[in-house]
Amino acid sequence: MLVLVYRKCSTCMKALKWLEENNVEFEERPIKEENPTYEELKEWHGKSGLPLKKFFNTSGLIYKDMQLKDKLPTMTEEEQLQLLATNGMLVKRPLVVGEDFVLTGFKEKEWEVKMK
């Protein structure tokens, strides 16, 4: 299982702690230094079953600076994926990629269902 995190993010740190406490094996990847590629994002979005908006870090500064709240509704899915692939800080984190699931953000109950 792959977990993309930003170590300065308190939610990511809680998520990593949860994974360790629950003995979940995972590979950690720094989302800022190793931004998800367009191909990865496209595959993960398809696997997740989630609306693409769930992949955006809507509380992030870059999201706000770019005024994406107003722009996303007029962008195609293709354009949104291309944009996400430009900067890891635009991507909701932590991002968990399992064999048959993808989770965005840390919601403990959802994680318990998927990982136990």
C-alpha atoms as a PDB file:
ATOM      1  CA  MET A   1       0.000   0.000   0.000  1.00  0.00           C
ATOM      2  CA  LEU A   2       1.272   3.444  -0.910  1.00  0.00           C
ATOM      3  CA  VAL A   3       0.666   6.451   1.342  1.00  0.00           C
ATOM      4  CA  LEU A   4       1.447   9.921   0.016  1.00  0.00           C
ATOM      5  CA  VAL A   5       2.020  12.416   2.816  1.00  0.00           C
ATOM      6  CA  TYR A   6       3.400  15.817   3.650  1.00  0.00           C
ATOM      7  CA  ARG A   7       5.349  15.547   6.909  1.00  0.00           C
ATOM      8  CA  LYS A   8       4.520  19.123   7.978  1.00  0.00           C
ATOM      9  CA  CYS A   9       0.803  18.297   7.819  1.00  0.00           C
ATOM     10  CA  SER A  10      -0.704  17.408  11.213  1.00  0.00           C
ATOM     11  CA  THR A  11      -3.406  15.247   9.607  1.00  0.00           C
ATOM     12  CA  CYS A  12      -0.749  13.272   7.747  1.00  0.00           C
ATOM     13  CA  MET A  13       1.168  12.732  10.974  1.00  0.00           C
ATOM     14  CA  LYS A  14      -1.998  11.456  12.708  1.00  0.00           C
ATOM     15  CA  ALA A  15      -2.596   9.122   9.764  1.00  0.00           C
ATOM     16  CA  LEU A  16       0.955   7.720   9.868  1.00  0.00           C
ATOM     17  CA  LYS A  17       0.651   7.198  13.616  1.00  0.00           C
ATOM     18  CA  TRP A  18      -2.659   5.373  13.086  1.00  0.00           C
ATOM     19  CA  LEU A  19      -1.108   3.114  10.439  1.00  0.00           C
ATOM     20  CA  GLU A  20       1.790   2.227  12.744  1.00  0.00           C
ATOM     21  CA  GLU A  21      -0.468   1.628  15.767  1.00  0.00           C
ATOM     22  CA  ASN A  22      -2.647  -0.676  13.666  1.00  0.00           C
ATOM     23  CA  ASN A  23       0.350  -2.540  12.200  1.00  0.00           C
ATOM     24  CA  VAL A  24      -0.565  -1.645   8.632  1.00  0.00           C
ATOM     25  CA  GLU A  25       2.315  -2.165   6.216  1.00  0.00           C
ATOM     26  CA  PHE A  26       2.807   0.727   3.833  1.00  0.00           C
ATOM     27  CA  GLU A  27       5.294   2.569   1.687  1.00  0.00           C
ATOM     28  CA  GLU A  28       5.528   6.283   2.429  1.00  0.00           C
ATOM     29  CA  ARG A  29       6.029   8.791  -0.374  1.00  0.00           C
ATOM     30  CA  PRO A  30       6.566  12.537   0.136  1.00  0.00           C
ATOM     31  CA  ILE A  31       3.828  14.217  -1.901  1.00  0.00           C
ATOM     32  CA  LYS A  32       5.649  17.539  -2.277  1.00  0.00           C
ATOM     33  CA  GLU A  33       8.935  16.066  -3.521  1.00  0.00           C
ATOM     34  CA  GLU A  34       7.413  13.213  -5.521  1.00  0.00           C
ATOM     35  CA  ASN A  35       4.260  14.705  -6.992  1.00  0.00           C
ATOM     36  CA  PRO A  36       1.761  12.164  -8.359  1.00  0.00           C
ATOM     37  CA  THR A  37       1.952  11.964 -12.135  1.00  0.00           C
ATOM     38  CA  TYR A  38      -0.969  12.535 -14.465  1.00  0.00           C
ATOM     39  CA  GLU A  39      -1.063   8.786 -15.214  1.00  0.00           C
ATOM     40  CA  GLU A  40      -1.080   7.861 -11.521  1.00  0.00           C
ATOM     41  CA  LEU A  41      -3.814  10.363 -10.723  1.00  0.00           C
ATOM     42  CA  LYS A  42      -5.954   9.168 -13.624  1.00  0.00           C
ATOM     43  CA  GLU A  43      -5.611   5.540 -12.497  1.00  0.00           C
ATOM     44  CA  TRP A  44      -6.209   6.351  -8.820  1.00  0.00           C
ATOM     45  CA  HIS A  45      -9.239   8.498  -9.595  1.00  0.00           C
ATOM     46  CA  GLY A  46     -10.747   5.640 -11.601  1.00  0.00           C
ATOM     47  CA  LYS A  47     -10.041   3.157  -8.815  1.00  0.00           C
ATOM     48  CA  SER A  48     -11.413   5.434  -6.088  1.00  0.00           C
ATOM     49  CA  GLY A  49     -14.952   5.908  -7.357  1.00  0.00           C
ATOM     50  CA  LEU A  50     -14.743   9.422  -5.887  1.00  0.00           C
ATOM     51  CA  PRO A  51     -15.543  12.691  -7.624  1.00  0.00           C
ATOM     52  CA  LEU A  52     -12.304  14.296  -8.827  1.00  0.00           C
ATOM     53  CA  LYS A  53     -12.895  17.299  -6.541  1.00  0.00           C
ATOM     54  CA  LYS A  54     -12.121  14.969  -3.589  1.00  0.00           C
ATOM     55  CA  PHE A  55      -8.522  14.773  -4.845  1.00  0.00           C
ATOM     56  CA  PHE A  56      -8.002  18.519  -4.386  1.00  0.00           C
ATOM     57  CA  ASN A  57      -6.607  19.975  -1.171  1.00  0.00           C
ATOM     58  CA  THR A  58      -9.388  22.550  -0.901  1.00  0.00           C
ATOM     59  CA  SER A  59      -7.978  24.051   2.297  1.00  0.00           C
ATOM     60  CA  GLY A  60      -4.506  24.585   0.831  1.00  0.00           C
ATOM     61  CA  LEU A  61      -3.001  27.970   0.062  1.00  0.00           C
ATOM     62  CA  ILE A  62      -2.291  27.157  -3.579  1.00  0.00           C
ATOM     63  CA  TYR A  63      -5.917  26.081  -4.103  1.00  0.00           C
ATOM     64  CA  LYS A  64      -7.079  29.378  -2.633  1.00  0.00           C
ATOM     65  CA  ASP A  65      -4.462  31.519  -4.412  1.00  0.00           C
ATOM     66  CA  MET A  66      -5.439  30.012  -7.764  1.00  0.00           C
ATOM     67  CA  GLN A  67      -9.139  30.573  -6.981  1.00  0.00           C
ATOM     68  CA  LEU A  68      -9.847  26.967  -7.908  1.00  0.00           C
ATOM     69  CA  LYS A  69     -13.174  26.954  -6.101  1.00  0.00           C
ATOM     70  CA  ASP A  70     -14.482  29.089  -8.957  1.00  0.00           C
ATOM     71  CA  LYS A  71     -12.405  27.551 -11.749  1.00  0.00           C
ATOM     72  CA  LEU A  72     -12.842  23.787 -11.165  1.00  0.00           C
ATOM     73  CA  PRO A  73     -16.520  23.647 -12.203  1.00  0.00           C
ATOM     74  CA  THR A  74     -15.629  24.995 -15.650  1.00  0.00           C
ATOM     75  CA  MET A  75     -12.595  22.738 -16.151  1.00  0.00           C
ATOM     76  CA  THR A  76     -12.738  19.350 -17.834  1.00  0.00           C
ATOM     77  CA  GLU A  77     -11.695  16.264 -15.895  1.00  0.00           C
ATOM     78  CA  GLU A  78      -8.632  16.094 -18.133  1.00  0.00           C
ATOM     79  CA  GLU A  79      -7.643  19.685 -17.241  1.00  0.00           C
ATOM     80  CA  GLN A  80      -8.172  19.000 -13.540  1.00  0.00           C
ATOM     81  CA  LEU A  81      -5.946  15.905 -13.648  1.00  0.00           C
ATOM     82  CA  GLN A  82      -3.255  17.840 -15.534  1.00  0.00           C
ATOM     83  CA  LEU A  83      -3.428  20.604 -12.905  1.00  0.00           C
ATOM     84  CA  LEU A  84      -3.200  18.162  -9.986  1.00  0.00           C
ATOM     85  CA  ALA A  85      -0.102  16.627 -11.561  1.00  0.00           C
ATOM     86  CA  THR A  86       1.694  20.000 -11.513  1.00  0.00           C
ATOM     87  CA  ASN A  87       1.977  20.366  -7.735  1.00  0.00           C
ATOM     88  CA  GLY A  88       1.700  17.826  -4.901  1.00  0.00           C
ATOM     89  CA  MET A  89       0.445  20.556  -2.595  1.00  0.00           C
ATOM     90  CA  LEU A  90      -2.769  20.732  -4.645  1.00  0.00           C
ATOM     91  CA  VAL A  91      -3.501  17.080  -3.853  1.00  0.00           C
ATOM     92  CA  LYS A  92      -5.598  16.096  -0.830  1.00  0.00           C
ATOM     93  CA  ARG A  93      -3.492  14.264   1.695  1.00  0.00           C
ATOM     94  CA  PRO A  94      -2.846  11.804   2.976  1.00  0.00           C
ATOM     95  CA  LEU A  95      -3.593   9.879  -0.196  1.00  0.00           C
ATOM     96  CA  VAL A  96      -3.729   6.116   0.276  1.00  0.00           C
ATOM     97  CA  VAL A  97      -3.486   3.770  -2.670  1.00  0.00           C
ATOM     98  CA  GLY A  98      -4.333   0.171  -1.868  1.00  0.00           C
ATOM     99  CA  GLU A  99      -4.694  -2.774  -4.195  1.00  0.00           C
ATOM    100  CA  ASP A 100      -8.408  -2.221  -4.742  1.00  0.00           C
ATOM    101  CA  PHE A 101      -9.129   1.145  -3.118  1.00  0.00           C
ATOM    102  CA  VAL A 102      -7.987   4.765  -2.887  1.00  0.00           C
ATOM    103  CA  LEU A 103      -8.649   7.037   0.099  1.00  0.00           C
ATOM    104  CA  THR A 104      -8.225  10.815   0.262  1.00  0.00           C
ATOM    105  CA  GLY A 105      -7.752  12.504   3.613  1.00  0.00           C
ATOM    106  CA  PHE A 106      -7.737  10.797   6.995  1.00  0.00           C
ATOM    107  CA  LYS A 107     -11.115   9.593   8.191  1.00  0.00           C
ATOM    108  CA  GLU A 108     -10.424   6.995  10.861  1.00  0.00           C
ATOM    109  CA  LYS A 109     -13.701   5.073  10.486  1.00  0.00           C
ATOM    110  CA  GLU A 110     -13.280   4.818   6.706  1.00  0.00           C
ATOM    111  CA  TRP A 111      -9.678   3.678   7.147  1.00  0.00           C
ATOM    112  CA  GLU A 112     -10.720   1.012   9.674  1.00  0.00           C
ATOM    113  CA  VAL A 113     -13.222  -0.446   7.200  1.00  0.00           C
ATOM    114  CA  LYS A 114     -10.732  -0.515   4.305  1.00  0.00           C
ATOM    115  CA  MET A 115      -7.600  -1.621   6.126  1.00  0.00           C
ATOM    116  CA  LYS A 116      -8.609  -4.080   8.821  1.00  0.00           C
END
